[in-house]
Each structure stands twice: as structure tokens, then as C-alpha cells.
Protein backbone atom coordinates (compact mmCIF):
# COMPACT_ATOMS: atom_id res chain seq x y z
CA MET A 1 -6.63 -6.44 10.25
CA GLY A 2 -5.37 -3.35 8.41
CA TYR A 3 -8.39 -1.23 9.13
CA ARG A 4 -8.25 -1.90 12.87
CA LYS A 5 -4.56 -1.11 12.83
CA LEU A 6 -5.12 2.16 10.93
CA VAL A 7 -7.84 3.30 13.33
CA ASN A 8 -5.62 2.63 16.32
CA ARG A 9 -2.64 4.38 14.84
CA LEU A 10 -4.53 7.50 13.83
CA GLY A 11 -5.32 8.15 17.47
CA VAL A 12 -1.65 8.78 18.19
CA VAL A 13 -0.74 12.42 18.77
CA LEU A 14 2.77 12.54 17.35
CA LEU A 15 3.77 11.92 13.75
CA VAL A 16 7.18 10.78 14.95
CA GLY A 17 5.74 7.42 15.80
CA LEU A 18 6.54 6.50 12.20
CA ALA A 19 9.91 4.95 11.45
CA VAL A 20 9.96 6.33 7.92
CA SER A 21 8.79 9.87 8.63
CA LEU A 22 10.67 12.69 6.97
CA VAL A 23 9.90 15.11 9.79
CA ALA A 24 12.76 15.40 12.24
CA ALA A 25 10.86 16.83 15.16
CA SER A 26 7.48 18.27 14.23
CA PRO A 27 4.58 17.54 16.57
CA ALA A 28 1.16 17.17 14.97
CA PRO A 29 -2.26 17.57 16.46
CA ALA A 30 -4.37 14.55 17.45
CA LEU A 31 -5.87 12.79 14.43
CA ALA A 32 -9.44 11.71 13.98
CA ALA A 33 -9.95 8.02 13.33
CA SER A 34 -10.22 7.13 9.66
CA THR A 35 -10.14 4.02 7.50
CA ALA A 36 -8.68 3.42 4.09
CA PRO A 37 -11.19 2.48 1.41
CA ALA A 38 -11.36 -1.12 0.21
CA VAL A 39 -10.64 -1.59 -3.47
CA ALA A 40 -11.47 -4.40 -5.80
CA SER A 41 -8.46 -6.29 -7.10
CA PRO A 42 -7.88 -7.50 -10.69
CA ALA A 43 -8.06 -11.25 -11.06
CA VAL A 44 -4.77 -12.16 -12.73
CA GLY A 45 -1.48 -10.73 -13.95
CA THR A 46 0.26 -7.55 -12.88
CA VAL A 47 -2.25 -4.73 -13.12
CA THR A 48 -1.94 -1.12 -12.01
CA THR A 49 -5.09 0.87 -11.45
CA GLN A 50 -5.23 4.67 -11.09
CA LEU A 51 -7.90 5.20 -8.48
CA ALA A 52 -8.05 9.01 -8.28
CA LYS A 53 -7.61 11.72 -10.88
CA PRO A 54 -4.37 13.63 -10.41
CA SER A 55 -4.08 17.40 -10.68
CA TYR A 56 -1.52 16.91 -13.48
CA TYR A 57 1.43 14.78 -14.51
CA VAL A 58 5.08 15.76 -14.52
CA ASN A 59 7.93 14.11 -16.40
CA GLN A 60 11.55 13.69 -15.48
CA ALA A 61 12.41 17.05 -17.03
CA GLY A 62 9.88 18.75 -14.77
CA VAL A 63 7.46 19.52 -17.57
CA ARG A 64 3.80 19.51 -16.49
CA ILE A 65 1.29 17.51 -18.52
CA PRO A 66 -2.46 18.16 -18.14
CA ALA A 67 -4.35 15.44 -16.27
CA SER A 68 -6.75 15.21 -19.19
CA ALA A 69 -3.93 14.13 -21.50
CA VAL A 70 -2.32 10.75 -21.78
CA PRO A 71 1.18 11.08 -20.26
CA ALA A 72 3.55 11.79 -23.12
CA THR A 73 6.36 9.69 -21.65
CA ALA A 74 6.59 6.49 -19.63
CA ASP A 75 8.44 8.32 -16.85
CA SER A 76 5.53 10.75 -16.21
CA VAL A 77 4.35 10.78 -12.58
CA PRO A 78 0.87 11.84 -11.40
CA VAL A 79 0.75 14.76 -8.94
CA TYR A 80 -1.92 14.83 -6.23
CA TYR A 81 -2.81 17.75 -3.97
CA ILE A 82 -4.21 16.12 -0.83
CA THR A 83 -6.73 18.38 0.90
CA SER A 84 -9.17 15.89 2.46
CA SER A 85 -8.76 14.26 5.86
CA THR A 86 -10.50 11.21 4.45
CA ALA A 87 -8.03 8.51 3.47
CA THR A 88 -7.81 8.17 -0.32
CA THR A 89 -6.24 5.30 -2.23
CA LEU A 90 -4.00 6.76 -4.94
CA ALA A 91 -2.38 3.64 -6.41
CA HIS A 92 -3.29 -0.05 -6.63
CA THR A 93 -1.06 -2.67 -8.27
CA CYS A 94 -1.67 -6.42 -8.24
CA LEU A 95 0.30 -9.53 -9.16
CA THR A 96 -0.59 -13.21 -9.34
CA LEU A 97 2.12 -15.01 -7.37
CA GLY A 98 1.26 -18.55 -8.40
CA THR A 99 -1.46 -21.15 -8.86
CA SER A 100 -2.35 -24.59 -7.58
CA GLY A 101 -5.13 -26.42 -9.31
CA ALA A 102 -7.99 -23.97 -9.72
CA ASN A 103 -6.70 -21.56 -7.10
CA SER A 104 -4.43 -18.54 -7.56
CA ALA A 105 -2.59 -16.39 -5.01
CA VAL A 106 -2.79 -12.63 -5.54
CA GLU A 107 -0.91 -9.84 -3.80
CA CYS A 108 -1.53 -6.10 -4.22
CA SER A 109 0.36 -2.93 -3.23
CA ASP A 110 -1.73 0.15 -2.39
CA LEU A 111 -0.72 3.68 -1.52
CA VAL A 112 -3.12 5.65 0.68
CA ALA A 113 -2.89 9.33 1.68
CA ARG A 114 -4.80 11.80 3.87
CA HIS A 115 -4.37 15.47 4.78
CA ILE A 116 -3.43 16.21 8.38
CA VAL A 117 -2.68 19.94 8.85
CA ALA A 118 -1.22 22.57 6.55
CA GLY A 119 2.09 21.30 5.26
CA TYR A 120 1.64 17.71 6.33
CA THR A 121 0.26 14.68 4.45
CA GLN A 122 0.14 11.23 6.01
CA ILE A 123 1.08 8.30 3.79
CA TYR A 124 0.11 4.65 4.40
CA ALA A 125 1.45 1.53 2.72
CA PHE A 126 -1.23 -1.11 2.42
CA THR A 127 -0.84 -4.66 1.12
CA GLU A 128 -3.58 -7.04 0.12
CA GLY A 129 -3.27 -10.83 -0.20
CA TYR A 130 -5.96 -13.30 -1.10
CA CYS A 131 -6.74 -16.63 -2.77
CA GLN A 132 -9.17 -16.98 -5.65
CA GLY A 133 -10.55 -19.85 -7.69
CA GLY A 134 -13.74 -21.05 -9.25
CA GLY A 135 -15.37 -17.65 -9.00
CA THR A 136 -14.88 -17.49 -5.23
CA LEU A 137 -12.29 -16.33 -2.71
CA PRO A 138 -11.42 -19.45 -0.67
CA GLN A 139 -9.66 -19.02 2.64
CA CYS A 140 -5.88 -18.93 2.31
CA ALA A 141 -3.98 -21.28 4.65
CA ASP A 142 -1.40 -18.58 5.43
CA VAL A 143 -0.59 -15.08 4.31
CA TYR A 144 2.60 -13.31 5.38
CA LEU A 145 3.53 -10.08 3.58
CA GLU A 146 5.66 -7.13 4.57
CA ASN A 147 5.86 -3.70 3.03
CA GLU A 148 7.64 -0.34 3.17
CA ILE A 149 7.28 3.13 1.73
CA GLY A 150 9.61 4.24 -1.03
CA TYR A 151 10.60 7.88 -1.44
CA GLY A 152 12.13 9.63 -4.44
CA ALA A 153 14.73 11.24 -2.18
CA ALA A 154 17.45 9.07 -0.63
CA TYR A 155 16.52 7.53 2.69
CA THR A 156 16.72 4.16 4.40
CA PRO A 157 13.34 2.43 4.32
CA SER A 158 12.01 0.34 7.22
CA ALA A 159 10.04 -2.87 6.70
CA PHE A 160 6.80 -3.53 8.55
CA VAL A 161 4.55 -6.59 8.63
CA ALA A 162 1.35 -5.81 6.77
CA ILE A 163 -0.42 -9.19 6.86
CA ALA A 164 0.32 -12.18 9.09
CA CYS A 165 -2.40 -14.80 9.35
CA GLY A 166 -2.89 -18.54 9.32
CA HIS A 167 -2.53 -21.36 11.83
CA SER A 168 -1.13 -20.05 15.12
CA LEU A 169 -1.40 -16.42 13.85
CA GLY A 170 -5.18 -16.69 13.52
CA ALA A 171 -7.35 -17.56 10.58
CA CYS A 172 -7.01 -15.67 7.34
CA ALA A 173 -10.03 -14.06 5.74
CA GLY A 174 -12.37 -16.50 4.04
CA PRO A 175 -15.70 -16.46 2.20
CA THR A 176 -17.45 -15.63 5.47
CA VAL A 177 -14.61 -13.82 7.22
CA ASN A 178 -14.29 -10.10 6.45
CA GLU A 179 -11.02 -8.42 7.45
CA GLY A 180 -12.09 -5.00 6.25
CA ALA A 181 -11.55 -5.26 2.50
CA GLY A 182 -14.43 -7.65 1.80
CA ALA A 183 -14.98 -11.32 2.48
CA GLY A 184 -11.97 -13.41 1.51
CA ARG A 185 -9.57 -10.47 1.29
CA ASN A 186 -6.71 -9.94 3.73
CA TYR A 187 -5.85 -6.24 3.78
CA GLY A 188 -3.22 -4.81 6.09
CA GLU A 189 -1.34 -1.58 6.76
CA GLY A 190 2.40 -1.84 7.18
CA ALA A 191 4.54 1.28 6.94
CA GLU A 192 3.42 4.86 7.56
CA GLY A 193 5.11 8.05 6.45
CA THR A 194 4.74 11.82 6.26
CA THR A 195 5.44 14.19 3.41
CA VAL A 196 6.07 17.84 4.18
CA GLY A 197 5.06 20.64 1.84
CA CYS A 198 5.43 20.00 -1.88
CA ASP A 199 8.20 19.54 -4.43
CA PRO A 200 6.33 18.50 -7.59
CA HIS A 201 9.28 16.88 -9.31
CA PRO A 202 10.32 13.22 -9.68
CA GLY A 203 13.19 12.17 -7.47
CA THR A 204 12.21 14.33 -4.52
CA ALA A 205 10.78 13.54 -1.06
CA SER A 206 7.28 14.23 -2.42
CA GLU A 207 7.47 11.21 -4.70
CA VAL A 208 6.22 8.13 -2.84
CA TRP A 209 5.09 4.55 -3.48
CA THR A 210 4.34 1.30 -1.64
CA VAL A 211 6.64 -1.68 -1.87
CA THR A 212 5.41 -5.14 -0.89
CA LEU A 213 8.61 -6.96 -0.21
CA GLY A 214 9.83 -10.11 -1.93
CA THR A 215 11.88 -11.22 1.10
CA SER A 216 11.24 -10.95 4.81
CA ASN A 217 13.03 -7.97 6.38
CA ALA A 218 11.03 -6.89 9.41
CA PHE A 219 11.50 -9.77 11.81
CA GLY A 220 14.19 -11.97 10.41
CA SER A 221 13.70 -14.92 8.08
CA HIS A 222 10.10 -15.79 7.33
CA THR A 223 8.39 -17.32 4.32
CA GLU A 224 6.99 -14.37 2.39
CA GLY A 225 3.94 -15.12 0.30
CA ILE A 226 0.54 -16.79 0.26
CA ASP A 227 -0.22 -20.42 1.17
CA LEU A 228 -3.03 -21.66 -1.05
CA PRO A 229 -5.64 -24.17 0.16
CA GLY A 230 -4.08 -27.61 0.45
CA ASP A 231 -0.80 -26.16 1.72
CA HIS A 232 0.69 -24.99 -1.58
CA TRP A 233 2.90 -21.96 -1.03
CA ALA A 234 3.13 -19.22 -3.66
CA THR A 235 6.16 -17.33 -2.43
CA THR A 236 7.23 -13.85 -3.42
CA THR A 237 10.44 -13.66 -5.41
CA SER A 238 10.69 -9.94 -6.02
CA ASN A 239 9.28 -6.68 -4.73
CA LEU A 240 5.89 -5.48 -5.91
CA SER A 241 5.73 -1.68 -6.16
CA SER A 242 2.64 0.37 -6.56
CA ALA A 243 2.68 3.18 -9.10
CA HIS A 244 4.85 6.15 -8.08
CA VAL A 245 2.91 9.28 -7.23
CA ILE A 246 3.85 12.79 -6.11
CA VAL A 247 1.95 13.92 -3.05
CA CYS A 248 1.54 17.62 -2.26
CA ASP A 249 -0.24 19.48 0.50
């Protein structure tokens, strides 16, 4: 679902088609189609995976820390200089929402970025939702998850539906149904955004992250979560944020 959506959206000529864009009125050239890479998800718990090596880290005081070093403080943020037009997953965080019998419901928040033209980097919020149990990924009865992009600078985020499947919405991914992230995995793009230039400090517009929402915001009230086989809902109760990263051109 998410890959088809990303391919369609990247054919649009204007960046202003994004509700959360930081560019007031800056036309961009036509974009070549691209897809975000699928990533394997941890099985249980809340796990954050750093998928690409940053150029360096920076702490809240603005002090740079070499990428080869372990960040000296918990508030250190990785800084990435995005130069490739190929979509790259920068952050991947997963959470087990609940279990029923041998099955567990897992949601993940991913942040994906790609270079567009000088001064512009496109940001994508991806959410993954799937069921697992007994060493397999059984088909979820329903998955409905929304997300948005968070920015270090003050702005009003907009929620978008990332995954909506099950029953009248169409079957969710199952052991033999591949929705782009591998059989059994439901992977969808929600929000898109654009960063302009670079301000390599926490709390600026260059600091971004994905938020998979705990409550439905995009289209009114809707059960947010994953319906396990046998009709056992594991609902979201709080937002799941990916790791914060600083994106520079």
C-alpha cells in the first residue's frame, strides 16, 4: 500500500502538495519515482534501530560528537546529510501493542528521506503494522494507523492515514500477501514533508521524526490499532515516535 502511494506521489511536480511542508511557495522540479526500502522489524518490545550511519551527533548545547563515538548524552541527535535521490530509512522504532493467545500486534514508526534538488530534502513518515505468532506473520483482521511528521521548530502537524485495511477496506497483508514490505507486513506512507537547507541544532526545523498516532485525528473517530486474528483488537493508547534525526541538504 505504502510503496504504491509513494510512487504515485513522487510523480507530482510541486512540493506544496504536502500539508506539512515548510516551504511557503517554492516550486520543485518533477521527481523520479522511488520507493522506500523495506526494513525488518524487531519481534517484541519497544526497539529503536539506527539504520544509517550519521555524519555526526549534536547535543542540546550544539556540541558536535563524532559519529564513531557513542553519544555522550541522552539528548544527542544524529545529523544526516542527504545527497542521494534514493529513499533512505533513517529511523525505525517498534512497539508491541498487545497479544492474544500466541499472536502479537506490532506497530513501527519509520522516517525516510531523499534528496530532491540543492536546498531541498523530502521527508516521508512511514508506519508498519503486522501480526506475528508461532514463527509466522498471520494475516491481521484489521489495521488502521495514522501518522504525522514532527519538527523541532514550532508548527501545527497534520495527520494522515498510513494504513487502513481489513474487511470492507480490503484484506490486510498475510503470509501470501505482500504489500511492499514483505509477506505479512502492512507498510504505509502517511505524511510527507520538506526540509530546506540545514540548521544542525536540536529544536530547529531540520530536526524531524515520525509519529504514529495513538488516537485517530485524520478523519474523525476511528479505532486506532491492530485487530489480531479472531477479532481481538490491540488498540494504540499513546503516540509512537521514531528516533529524532537532523536532516541536512
